[in-house]
Amino acid sequence: MFNYVMPAQLIVSTSFVLSSLVSFAIFWLHIDSLVIRFEIKTFLKALGFGILAVASILNFLNPILNFDLSQISIWLISAAFYTIFLAFILDP
């Protein structure tokens, strides 16, 4: 009747949800600062954290959906970290 959720699977799913929430919160803070003044470094940070939030959501949805999203999420995480790194390089 009820599906038993393994504790390790529960911990992994919780970590994906929390990381997506934190990434989305940081994304929202950078978007809010873009409203005041547009800077390319702030835009790149917002873009990177937004992509990171989407990748975390895809990692969370991977066991639920019938097709494999791991390759897409790996590329999204790589692109997100690259844009965040580029934004910090541009910041003096």
PDB file of N, CA and C in Angstrom:
ATOM      1  N   MET A   1       0.811  -1.186   0.000  1.00  0.00           N
ATOM      2  CA  MET A   1       0.000   0.000   0.000  1.00  0.00           C
ATOM      3  C   MET A   1       0.858   1.255   0.000  1.00  0.00           C
ATOM      4  N   PHE A   2       1.771   1.385   0.953  1.00  0.00           N
ATOM      5  CA  PHE A   2       2.666   2.529   0.996  1.00  0.00           C
ATOM      6  C   PHE A   2       4.047   2.107   0.526  1.00  0.00           C
ATOM      7  N   ASN A   3       4.655   2.966  -0.275  1.00  0.00           N
ATOM      8  CA  ASN A   3       6.023   2.692  -0.713  1.00  0.00           C
ATOM      9  C   ASN A   3       6.979   3.152   0.369  1.00  0.00           C
ATOM     10  N   TYR A   4       7.881   2.282   0.733  1.00  0.00           N
ATOM     11  CA  TYR A   4       8.867   2.612   1.745  1.00  0.00           C
ATOM     12  C   TYR A   4      10.002   3.387   1.093  1.00  0.00           C
ATOM     13  N   VAL A   5      10.316   4.545   1.620  1.00  0.00           N
ATOM     14  CA  VAL A   5      11.392   5.370   1.098  1.00  0.00           C
ATOM     15  C   VAL A   5      12.647   5.082   1.902  1.00  0.00           C
ATOM     16  N   MET A   6      13.702   4.726   1.207  1.00  0.00           N
ATOM     17  CA  MET A   6      14.967   4.440   1.866  1.00  0.00           C
ATOM     18  C   MET A   6      15.518   5.724   2.488  1.00  0.00           C
ATOM     19  N   PRO A   7      16.141   5.651   3.647  1.00  0.00           N
ATOM     20  CA  PRO A   7      16.672   6.863   4.283  1.00  0.00           C
ATOM     21  C   PRO A   7      17.716   7.588   3.426  1.00  0.00           C
ATOM     22  N   ALA A   8      18.555   6.847   2.709  1.00  0.00           N
ATOM     23  CA  ALA A   8      19.555   7.495   1.858  1.00  0.00           C
ATOM     24  C   ALA A   8      18.889   8.255   0.718  1.00  0.00           C
ATOM     25  N   GLN A   9      17.841   7.672   0.142  1.00  0.00           N
ATOM     26  CA  GLN A   9      17.119   8.336  -0.936  1.00  0.00           C
ATOM     27  C   GLN A   9      16.418   9.590  -0.422  1.00  0.00           C
ATOM     28  N   LEU A  10      15.912   9.531   0.785  1.00  0.00           N
ATOM     29  CA  LEU A  10      15.263  10.689   1.385  1.00  0.00           C
ATOM     30  C   LEU A  10      16.267  11.814   1.638  1.00  0.00           C
ATOM     31  N   ILE A  11      17.452  11.461   2.096  1.00  0.00           N
ATOM     32  CA  ILE A  11      18.487  12.462   2.342  1.00  0.00           C
ATOM     33  C   ILE A  11      18.940  13.102   1.034  1.00  0.00           C
ATOM     34  N   VAL A  12      19.116  12.311  -0.007  1.00  0.00           N
ATOM     35  CA  VAL A  12      19.542  12.837  -1.299  1.00  0.00           C
ATOM     36  C   VAL A  12      18.466  13.746  -1.886  1.00  0.00           C
ATOM     37  N   SER A  13      17.212  13.328  -1.814  1.00  0.00           N
ATOM     38  CA  SER A  13      16.121  14.153  -2.336  1.00  0.00           C
ATOM     39  C   SER A  13      16.003  15.455  -1.558  1.00  0.00           C
ATOM     40  N   THR A  14      16.164  15.389  -0.251  1.00  0.00           N
ATOM     41  CA  THR A  14      16.100  16.597   0.571  1.00  0.00           C
ATOM     42  C   THR A  14      17.244  17.545   0.240  1.00  0.00           C
ATOM     43  N   SER A  15      18.425  16.993  -0.004  1.00  0.00           N
ATOM     44  CA  SER A  15      19.562  17.853  -0.342  1.00  0.00           C
ATOM     45  C   SER A  15      19.363  18.534  -1.694  1.00  0.00           C
ATOM     46  N   PHE A  16      18.755  17.836  -2.668  1.00  0.00           N
ATOM     47  CA  PHE A  16      18.476  18.462  -3.959  1.00  0.00           C
ATOM     48  C   PHE A  16      17.449  19.578  -3.818  1.00  0.00           C
ATOM     49  N   VAL A  17      16.425  19.368  -3.000  1.00  0.00           N
ATOM     50  CA  VAL A  17      15.408  20.402  -2.803  1.00  0.00           C
ATOM     51  C   VAL A  17      16.007  21.610  -2.096  1.00  0.00           C
ATOM     52  N   LEU A  18      16.786  21.372  -1.054  1.00  0.00           N
ATOM     53  CA  LEU A  18      17.394  22.489  -0.332  1.00  0.00           C
ATOM     54  C   LEU A  18      18.398  23.250  -1.191  1.00  0.00           C
ATOM     55  N   SER A  19      19.185  22.545  -1.986  1.00  0.00           N
ATOM     56  CA  SER A  19      20.142  23.245  -2.843  1.00  0.00           C
ATOM     57  C   SER A  19      19.438  24.051  -3.926  1.00  0.00           C
ATOM     58  N   SER A  20      18.330  23.548  -4.434  1.00  0.00           N
ATOM     59  CA  SER A  20      17.592  24.330  -5.424  1.00  0.00           C
ATOM     60  C   SER A  20      16.944  25.551  -4.788  1.00  0.00           C
ATOM     61  N   LEU A  21      16.450  25.430  -3.564  1.00  0.00           N
ATOM     62  CA  LEU A  21      15.867  26.583  -2.880  1.00  0.00           C
ATOM     63  C   LEU A  21      16.912  27.646  -2.563  1.00  0.00           C
ATOM     64  N   VAL A  22      18.071  27.225  -2.110  1.00  0.00           N
ATOM     65  CA  VAL A  22      19.141  28.182  -1.806  1.00  0.00           C
ATOM     66  C   VAL A  22      19.642  28.847  -3.085  1.00  0.00           C
ATOM     67  N   SER A  23      19.810  28.074  -4.143  1.00  0.00           N
ATOM     68  CA  SER A  23      20.254  28.649  -5.417  1.00  0.00           C
ATOM     69  C   SER A  23      19.222  29.625  -5.965  1.00  0.00           C
ATOM     70  N   PHE A  24      17.945  29.286  -5.833  1.00  0.00           N
ATOM     71  CA  PHE A  24      16.906  30.197  -6.310  1.00  0.00           C
ATOM     72  C   PHE A  24      16.862  31.462  -5.462  1.00  0.00           C
ATOM     73  N   ALA A  25      17.098  31.360  -4.149  1.00  0.00           N
ATOM     74  CA  ALA A  25      17.118  32.544  -3.289  1.00  0.00           C
ATOM     75  C   ALA A  25      18.267  33.471  -3.662  1.00  0.00           C
ATOM     76  N   ILE A  26      19.446  32.905  -3.921  1.00  0.00           N
ATOM     77  CA  ILE A  26      20.586  33.725  -4.336  1.00  0.00           C
ATOM     78  C   ILE A  26      20.328  34.324  -5.716  1.00  0.00           C
ATOM     79  N   PHE A  27      19.711  33.542  -6.602  1.00  0.00           N
ATOM     80  CA  PHE A  27      19.317  34.053  -7.920  1.00  0.00           C
ATOM     81  C   PHE A  27      18.388  35.253  -7.766  1.00  0.00           C
ATOM     82  N   TRP A  28      17.417  35.141  -6.874  1.00  0.00           N
ATOM     83  CA  TRP A  28      16.451  36.220  -6.691  1.00  0.00           C
ATOM     84  C   TRP A  28      17.114  37.474  -6.103  1.00  0.00           C
ATOM     85  N   LEU A  29      18.067  37.309  -5.210  1.00  0.00           N
ATOM     86  CA  LEU A  29      18.788  38.458  -4.664  1.00  0.00           C
ATOM     87  C   LEU A  29      19.574  39.190  -5.751  1.00  0.00           C
ATOM     88  N   HIS A  30      20.190  38.453  -6.646  1.00  0.00           N
ATOM     89  CA  HIS A  30      20.941  39.094  -7.727  1.00  0.00           C
ATOM     90  C   HIS A  30      20.007  39.738  -8.748  1.00  0.00           C
ATOM     91  N   ILE A  31      18.872  39.128  -9.013  1.00  0.00           N
ATOM     92  CA  ILE A  31      17.897  39.745  -9.916  1.00  0.00           C
ATOM     93  C   ILE A  31      17.364  41.033  -9.305  1.00  0.00           C
ATOM     94  N   ASP A  32      17.140  41.014  -8.000  1.00  0.00           N
ATOM     95  CA  ASP A  32      16.660  42.212  -7.318  1.00  0.00           C
ATOM     96  C   ASP A  32      17.694  43.332  -7.382  1.00  0.00           C
ATOM     97  N   SER A  33      18.967  43.018  -7.289  1.00  0.00           N
ATOM     98  CA  SER A  33      19.994  44.052  -7.405  1.00  0.00           C
ATOM     99  C   SER A  33      20.155  44.532  -8.844  1.00  0.00           C
ATOM    100  N   LEU A  34      19.769  43.710  -9.815  1.00  0.00           N
ATOM    101  CA  LEU A  34      19.813  44.147 -11.209  1.00  0.00           C
ATOM    102  C   LEU A  34      18.745  45.186 -11.512  1.00  0.00           C
ATOM    103  N   VAL A  35      17.670  45.206 -10.733  1.00  0.00           N
ATOM    104  CA  VAL A  35      16.610  46.187 -10.941  1.00  0.00           C
ATOM    105  C   VAL A  35      17.143  47.592 -10.663  1.00  0.00           C
ATOM    106  N   ILE A  36      17.995  47.723  -9.665  1.00  0.00           N
ATOM    107  CA  ILE A  36      18.542  49.025  -9.300  1.00  0.00           C
ATOM    108  C   ILE A  36      19.577  49.488 -10.327  1.00  0.00           C
ATOM    109  N   ARG A  37      20.526  48.611 -10.642  1.00  0.00           N
ATOM    110  CA  ARG A  37      21.580  48.971 -11.583  1.00  0.00           C
ATOM    111  C   ARG A  37      22.038  47.710 -12.308  1.00  0.00           C
ATOM    112  N   PHE A  38      22.079  47.787 -13.627  1.00  0.00           N
ATOM    113  CA  PHE A  38      22.492  46.631 -14.420  1.00  0.00           C
ATOM    114  C   PHE A  38      24.004  46.607 -14.536  1.00  0.00           C
ATOM    115  N   GLU A  39      24.593  45.500 -14.112  1.00  0.00           N
ATOM    116  CA  GLU A  39      26.015  45.243 -14.296  1.00  0.00           C
ATOM    117  C   GLU A  39      26.165  43.837 -14.847  1.00  0.00           C
ATOM    118  N   ILE A  40      27.132  43.667 -15.723  1.00  0.00           N
ATOM    119  CA  ILE A  40      27.318  42.371 -16.359  1.00  0.00           C
ATOM    120  C   ILE A  40      27.718  41.299 -15.349  1.00  0.00           C
ATOM    121  N   LYS A  41      28.519  41.671 -14.342  1.00  0.00           N
ATOM    122  CA  LYS A  41      28.947  40.677 -13.357  1.00  0.00           C
ATOM    123  C   LYS A  41      27.778  40.210 -12.495  1.00  0.00           C
ATOM    124  N   THR A  42      26.868  41.114 -12.163  1.00  0.00           N
ATOM    125  CA  THR A  42      25.681  40.724 -11.398  1.00  0.00           C
ATOM    126  C   THR A  42      24.751  39.877 -12.258  1.00  0.00           C
ATOM    127  N   PHE A  43      24.661  40.217 -13.538  1.00  0.00           N
ATOM    128  CA  PHE A  43      23.843  39.421 -14.449  1.00  0.00           C
ATOM    129  C   PHE A  43      24.394  38.006 -14.595  1.00  0.00           C
ATOM    130  N   LEU A  44      25.716  37.875 -14.687  1.00  0.00           N
ATOM    131  CA  LEU A  44      26.316  36.549 -14.814  1.00  0.00           C
ATOM    132  C   LEU A  44      26.123  35.726 -13.542  1.00  0.00           C
ATOM    133  N   LYS A  45      26.215  36.375 -12.374  1.00  0.00           N
ATOM    134  CA  LYS A  45      25.956  35.657 -11.121  1.00  0.00           C
ATOM    135  C   LYS A  45      24.506  35.204 -11.052  1.00  0.00           C
ATOM    136  N   ALA A  46      23.577  36.083 -11.441  1.00  0.00           N
ATOM    137  CA  ALA A  46      22.161  35.708 -11.429  1.00  0.00           C
ATOM    138  C   ALA A  46      21.898  34.565 -12.404  1.00  0.00           C
ATOM    139  N   LEU A  47      22.490  34.641 -13.572  1.00  0.00           N
ATOM    140  CA  LEU A  47      22.327  33.576 -14.566  1.00  0.00           C
ATOM    141  C   LEU A  47      22.889  32.257 -14.058  1.00  0.00           C
ATOM    142  N   GLY A  48      24.063  32.307 -13.447  1.00  0.00           N
ATOM    143  CA  GLY A  48      24.692  31.091 -12.929  1.00  0.00           C
ATOM    144  C   GLY A  48      23.879  30.445 -11.822  1.00  0.00           C
ATOM    145  N   PHE A  49      23.405  31.238 -10.876  1.00  0.00           N
ATOM    146  CA  PHE A  49      22.616  30.663  -9.790  1.00  0.00           C
ATOM    147  C   PHE A  49      21.235  30.218 -10.268  1.00  0.00           C
ATOM    148  N   GLY A  50      20.683  30.875 -11.288  1.00  0.00           N
ATOM    149  CA  GLY A  50      19.420  30.404 -11.865  1.00  0.00           C
ATOM    150  C   GLY A  50      19.578  29.065 -12.555  1.00  0.00           C
ATOM    151  N   ILE A  51      20.658  28.920 -13.307  1.00  0.00           N
ATOM    152  CA  ILE A  51      20.938  27.637 -13.960  1.00  0.00           C
ATOM    153  C   ILE A  51      21.201  26.553 -12.927  1.00  0.00           C
ATOM    154  N   LEU A  52      21.897  26.914 -11.849  1.00  0.00           N
ATOM    155  CA  LEU A  52      22.172  25.950 -10.781  1.00  0.00           C
ATOM    156  C   LEU A  52      20.884  25.492 -10.100  1.00  0.00           C
ATOM    157  N   ALA A  53      19.929  26.401  -9.929  1.00  0.00           N
ATOM    158  CA  ALA A  53      18.635  26.025  -9.348  1.00  0.00           C
ATOM    159  C   ALA A  53      17.883  25.071 -10.271  1.00  0.00           C
ATOM    160  N   VAL A  54      17.913  25.344 -11.562  1.00  0.00           N
ATOM    161  CA  VAL A  54      17.234  24.460 -12.524  1.00  0.00           C
ATOM    162  C   VAL A  54      17.898  23.084 -12.546  1.00  0.00           C
ATOM    163  N   ALA A  55      19.219  23.052 -12.475  1.00  0.00           N
ATOM    164  CA  ALA A  55      19.927  21.765 -12.467  1.00  0.00           C
ATOM    165  C   ALA A  55      19.608  20.964 -11.207  1.00  0.00           C
ATOM    166  N   SER A  56      19.467  21.636 -10.081  1.00  0.00           N
ATOM    167  CA  SER A  56      19.112  20.927  -8.849  1.00  0.00           C
ATOM    168  C   SER A  56      17.694  20.373  -8.917  1.00  0.00           C
ATOM    169  N   ILE A  57      16.794  21.124  -9.525  1.00  0.00           N
ATOM    170  CA  ILE A  57      15.427  20.628  -9.702  1.00  0.00           C
ATOM    171  C   ILE A  57      15.423  19.411 -10.627  1.00  0.00           C
ATOM    172  N   LEU A  58      16.235  19.458 -11.686  1.00  0.00           N
ATOM    173  CA  LEU A  58      16.319  18.296 -12.584  1.00  0.00           C
ATOM    174  C   LEU A  58      16.904  17.083 -11.877  1.00  0.00           C
ATOM    175  N   ASN A  59      17.885  17.307 -10.996  1.00  0.00           N
ATOM    176  CA  ASN A  59      18.430  16.187 -10.222  1.00  0.00           C
ATOM    177  C   ASN A  59      17.384  15.610  -9.285  1.00  0.00           C
ATOM    178  N   PHE A  60      16.531  16.461  -8.735  1.00  0.00           N
ATOM    179  CA  PHE A  60      15.459  15.979  -7.865  1.00  0.00           C
ATOM    180  C   PHE A  60      14.416  15.188  -8.653  1.00  0.00           C
ATOM    181  N   LEU A  61      14.113  15.645  -9.862  1.00  0.00           N
ATOM    182  CA  LEU A  61      13.090  14.987 -10.678  1.00  0.00           C
ATOM    183  C   LEU A  61      13.597  13.748 -11.405  1.00  0.00           C
ATOM    184  N   ASN A  62      14.891  13.518 -11.411  1.00  0.00           N
ATOM    185  CA  ASN A  62      15.465  12.401 -12.156  1.00  0.00           C
ATOM    186  C   ASN A  62      14.890  11.042 -11.755  1.00  0.00           C
ATOM    187  N   PRO A  63      14.754  10.701 -10.461  1.00  0.00           N
ATOM    188  CA  PRO A  63      14.160   9.390 -10.142  1.00  0.00           C
ATOM    189  C   PRO A  63      12.655   9.328 -10.405  1.00  0.00           C
ATOM    190  N   ILE A  64      11.987  10.468 -10.439  1.00  0.00           N
ATOM    191  CA  ILE A  64      10.536  10.488 -10.614  1.00  0.00           C
ATOM    192  C   ILE A  64      10.164  10.271 -12.078  1.00  0.00           C
ATOM    193  N   LEU A  65      10.889  10.916 -12.983  1.00  0.00           N
ATOM    194  CA  LEU A  65      10.580  10.821 -14.409  1.00  0.00           C
ATOM    195  C   LEU A  65      11.142   9.532 -14.997  1.00  0.00           C
ATOM    196  N   ASN A  66      10.645   9.171 -16.153  1.00  0.00           N
ATOM    197  CA  ASN A  66      11.044   7.911 -16.769  1.00  0.00           C
ATOM    198  C   ASN A  66      12.320   7.992 -17.599  1.00  0.00           C
ATOM    199  N   PHE A  67      12.799   9.176 -17.905  1.00  0.00           N
ATOM    200  CA  PHE A  67      14.009   9.275 -18.719  1.00  0.00           C
ATOM    201  C   PHE A  67      15.133   9.912 -17.916  1.00  0.00           C
ATOM    202  N   ASP A  68      16.354   9.685 -18.376  1.00  0.00           N
ATOM    203  CA  ASP A  68      17.562  10.076 -17.642  1.00  0.00           C
ATOM    204  C   ASP A  68      17.901  11.544 -17.907  1.00  0.00           C
ATOM    205  N   LEU A  69      18.010  12.319 -16.837  1.00  0.00           N
ATOM    206  CA  LEU A  69      18.358  13.734 -16.948  1.00  0.00           C
ATOM    207  C   LEU A  69      19.756  14.041 -16.420  1.00  0.00           C
ATOM    208  N   SER A  70      20.536  13.011 -16.135  1.00  0.00           N
ATOM    209  CA  SER A  70      21.833  13.240 -15.494  1.00  0.00           C
ATOM    210  C   SER A  70      22.813  13.965 -16.409  1.00  0.00           C
ATOM    211  N   GLN A  71      22.826  13.654 -17.688  1.00  0.00           N
ATOM    212  CA  GLN A  71      23.739  14.339 -18.611  1.00  0.00           C
ATOM    213  C   GLN A  71      23.392  15.815 -18.748  1.00  0.00           C
ATOM    214  N   ILE A  72      22.101  16.113 -18.831  1.00  0.00           N
ATOM    215  CA  ILE A  72      21.670  17.505 -18.936  1.00  0.00           C
ATOM    216  C   ILE A  72      22.034  18.265 -17.669  1.00  0.00           C
ATOM    217  N   SER A  73      21.816  17.648 -16.516  1.00  0.00           N
ATOM    218  CA  SER A  73      22.117  18.347 -15.267  1.00  0.00           C
ATOM    219  C   SER A  73      23.614  18.550 -15.074  1.00  0.00           C
ATOM    220  N   ILE A  74      24.433  17.614 -15.539  1.00  0.00           N
ATOM    221  CA  ILE A  74      25.887  17.791 -15.448  1.00  0.00           C
ATOM    222  C   ILE A  74      26.333  18.976 -16.296  1.00  0.00           C
ATOM    223  N   TRP A  75      25.794  19.095 -17.506  1.00  0.00           N
ATOM    224  CA  TRP A  75      26.150  20.228 -18.362  1.00  0.00           C
ATOM    225  C   TRP A  75      25.630  21.542 -17.790  1.00  0.00           C
ATOM    226  N   LEU A  76      24.449  21.517 -17.208  1.00  0.00           N
ATOM    227  CA  LEU A  76      23.911  22.746 -16.611  1.00  0.00           C
ATOM    228  C   LEU A  76      24.721  23.177 -15.391  1.00  0.00           C
ATOM    229  N   ILE A  77      25.107  22.227 -14.561  1.00  0.00           N
ATOM    230  CA  ILE A  77      25.919  22.561 -13.391  1.00  0.00           C
ATOM    231  C   ILE A  77      27.277  23.106 -13.827  1.00  0.00           C
ATOM    232  N   SER A  78      27.864  22.511 -14.854  1.00  0.00           N
ATOM    233  CA  SER A  78      29.152  23.004 -15.364  1.00  0.00           C
ATOM    234  C   SER A  78      29.021  24.423 -15.906  1.00  0.00           C
ATOM    235  N   ALA A  79      27.968  24.682 -16.666  1.00  0.00           N
ATOM    236  CA  ALA A  79      27.749  26.030 -17.205  1.00  0.00           C
ATOM    237  C   ALA A  79      27.475  27.034 -16.092  1.00  0.00           C
ATOM    238  N   ALA A  80      26.748  26.607 -15.070  1.00  0.00           N
ATOM    239  CA  ALA A  80      26.441  27.505 -13.950  1.00  0.00           C
ATOM    240  C   ALA A  80      27.702  27.880 -13.192  1.00  0.00           C
ATOM    241  N   PHE A  81      28.530  26.897 -12.877  1.00  0.00           N
ATOM    242  CA  PHE A  81      29.764  27.208 -12.153  1.00  0.00           C
ATOM    243  C   PHE A  81      30.724  28.037 -13.004  1.00  0.00           C
ATOM    244  N   TYR A  82      30.711  27.811 -14.309  1.00  0.00           N
ATOM    245  CA  TYR A  82      31.560  28.609 -15.188  1.00  0.00           C
ATOM    246  C   TYR A  82      31.108  30.066 -15.197  1.00  0.00           C
ATOM    247  N   THR A  83      29.813  30.323 -15.293  1.00  0.00           N
ATOM    248  CA  THR A  83      29.334  31.705 -15.311  1.00  0.00           C
ATOM    249  C   THR A  83      29.550  32.392 -13.959  1.00  0.00           C
ATOM    250  N   ILE A  84      29.380  31.664 -12.870  1.00  0.00           N
ATOM    251  CA  ILE A  84      29.639  32.249 -11.547  1.00  0.00           C
ATOM    252  C   ILE A  84      31.129  32.566 -11.403  1.00  0.00           C
ATOM    253  N   PHE A  85      31.990  31.664 -11.859  1.00  0.00           N
ATOM    254  CA  PHE A  85      33.436  31.899 -11.808  1.00  0.00           C
ATOM    255  C   PHE A  85      33.818  33.095 -12.684  1.00  0.00           C
ATOM    256  N   LEU A  86      33.227  33.196 -13.851  1.00  0.00           N
ATOM    257  CA  LEU A  86      33.507  34.316 -14.743  1.00  0.00           C
ATOM    258  C   LEU A  86      33.057  35.631 -14.120  1.00  0.00           C
ATOM    259  N   ALA A  87      31.926  35.614 -13.430  1.00  0.00           N
ATOM    260  CA  ALA A  87      31.455  36.830 -12.765  1.00  0.00           C
ATOM    261  C   ALA A  87      32.391  37.251 -11.650  1.00  0.00           C
ATOM    262  N   PHE A  88      32.920  36.297 -10.908  1.00  0.00           N
ATOM    263  CA  PHE A  88      33.866  36.658  -9.838  1.00  0.00           C
ATOM    264  C   PHE A  88      35.203  37.105 -10.402  1.00  0.00           C
ATOM    265  N   ILE A  89      35.601  36.613 -11.568  1.00  0.00           N
ATOM    266  CA  ILE A  89      36.823  37.080 -12.220  1.00  0.00           C
ATOM    267  C   ILE A  89      36.637  38.522 -12.687  1.00  0.00           C
ATOM    268  N   LEU A  90      35.455  38.872 -13.184  1.00  0.00           N
ATOM    269  CA  LEU A  90      35.202  40.225 -13.648  1.00  0.00           C
ATOM    270  C   LEU A  90      35.081  41.229 -12.501  1.00  0.00           C
ATOM    271  N   ASP A  91      34.795  40.750 -11.314  1.00  0.00           N
ATOM    272  CA  ASP A  91      34.657  41.624 -10.155  1.00  0.00           C
ATOM    273  C   ASP A  91      36.046  41.958  -9.617  1.00  0.00           C
ATOM    274  N   PRO A  92      36.397  43.256  -9.565  1.00  0.00           N
ATOM    275  CA  PRO A  92      37.771  43.600  -9.133  1.00  0.00           C
ATOM    276  C   PRO A  92      38.022  43.365  -7.673  1.00  0.00           C
TER     277      PRO A  92
END
